[in-house]
Amino acid sequence: MNLTINKKMMMGFGVIIILMIISNTYILYQLVTISNTAKVTLTSEVKSIDITKHLQSLLYEEERNANKYWISYDKIYFDLFVGGSKKFNESVDSLKVTQSDPGGKQLINHIQRIHAWFVSQVPPSFQRKQLLKTEISKIEKQKRADSIQALHTNLNDLIRLNQVSIDNAMINVETITTRSSGVSLILTLCTLIAAIMLAVIIPRTITKPIKVLIRGTEQIARGSFEPIKVISHDEIAQLTGAVNEMSDKLKKIDEHKSELMHNIAHELRTPFQIILSALYKLNRQEIGPLNEQQIELLDSIRKNIKVATNFTNQLLDIAKIEAGMMEYNLKPIDLLSVVKPLVDNARLVASQKGITIKLHTEPVPIIVVDEEKIFTVVNNLLSNAIKFTNRDGRINIYVSRVGNHAKISVEDSGIGIAQEELTKVFNKFYQAKNASQVSSIGTGIGLSLVKAYTEGHGGKVSVKSVLGVGTTFQVELPIILERHQIDIAEDSISTQRTPHENL
């Protein structure tokens, strides 16, 4: 599914918003449930208790008036009794409306029946003469007392029932509150986890292809024009396509440039050879005597042609390396036998600037390399160190073994290289910004050859530098053979191999 960055962000925020809506809706629903439960409890159960207690008061008053009436048969007490009975019945009717519990309604019906019977036991006041003559038996008195007691008992039971109902309602509210708190906490945690996951996943889906793209562009900057592969279906994929298209065009330009460079270098070799041959004849004075000044001019021409020829050969080597056609003449050598003569020659050049060169060595096994190319690697590093080290500076060369590698370090106290330029110094034709501080500026090919030759042997090269303090180049070459294996190596190692074959 093709999703743009904008859609990814909208989907992520949408999921979080939906989870928040679900969480808040659930909490609101539970709050409404709790509110309704509390409302029912306060409006019905509490009111029922109030009415029931009022009924108890009315019953006590009704009982007193009845007792007084039975003693005196006074019409006043009878009227008070009748008025109290009506109030009692009205209160019972209102209590029945507020009562929601089935058990409570049964108690109310039972109270109404007992109360009706009790009222029926109080005859009207106009039967006063007859009542005075009538003697009430102990059994009837006991029934009246029992009925009153039953009414009180039922009213107390109704109060307890309503209190239990209130307690249950409160327990239910507490249960709902606890459950709601737990669920809301879970929903909040889920929302938080989802937000964190989306905050990690969505930026990762964006930054991961960007990192791949960055690495790819860095490879392009270093001269590798392999297509960048990004698993993405958004704007980054479109950007990658544009970068790959640009890389393909740069590759073709680089190939044309390399081909042109190869052709130029190849075409220059023949006239240089002819010029050197002519110089040789002139120098031998085969076609006539030369004076001392002419001989010096010829020597100067010869030296500069050798410099130009060396540059031409380096260009050809770079072209071969980029075409994958560089050949390596491998043989076992003692690394010190290559380094020491170069250091001695470098001391002669460095002495003109008052630079001190010291060689520090440790025992290093015999290594199988192309001697000429390792010679070029060490020579280029020493030349650079001398070139970029000011007068009265110092250069230290270290030859040692690190694990399965022989290491050559060239450390100088020169002008240094800016940190942001360290990854570029091995690019061909690149010159550091502060290179203009020295009197002699190179071609920018030397370090690119150092890197190519080193990696061609399966080794690696690195650089550390601090502006104004100095620079250290390190070359590590794999140790293939120990000293006791030299004889076997000389019989088995081919003299013509490409770097790929050796690796």
Foldseek 3Di string as FASTA:
>chain_A
DFDALVRLVVVLVVVLVVLVVVLVVLLVVLVVVLVVLVVLLVQFLVVLLVLLVVLVVLLVLLVVLLVVCLVVLDQVSVVSNVVSLVVNVVSLVVNCVSDDDPVLNVLSVVLVVLSVVLNVVRDHSVCVVVSVVDDDDPVVVVSNVVSSVSNVVSSVVSNVVSVVVSVVSVVVSVVSVVVSVVVSVVSVVVSVVSSVVSVVVSVCLVVVQVVLVVVQVLCLLQPDLDQRDGPHNYVSVVVSVVVNVVSVVVNVVVLVVLVVLLVVLVVVVVVLVVLVVVLVCVLVQVPHDDDPVVNVVSVVVNVVSVVVNVVSVLSNQVSCLVVLNDKWQKAWDDVCVLQVVLQVVLCVVLVVLLEAEEEAEDDDFTAIGRSVLVSLLNNLLSVVQSQFAHGNWYWYWYWYDDVQWIKIKIKTQGQWADPVCQSPLLRAQDDGPCSVVGPDDDRSSSSVSNQSRLVLQVKGKGKDIDGNGIIMIMIIHGGDDGPVCNVVCVVPPHRIDTSVVND
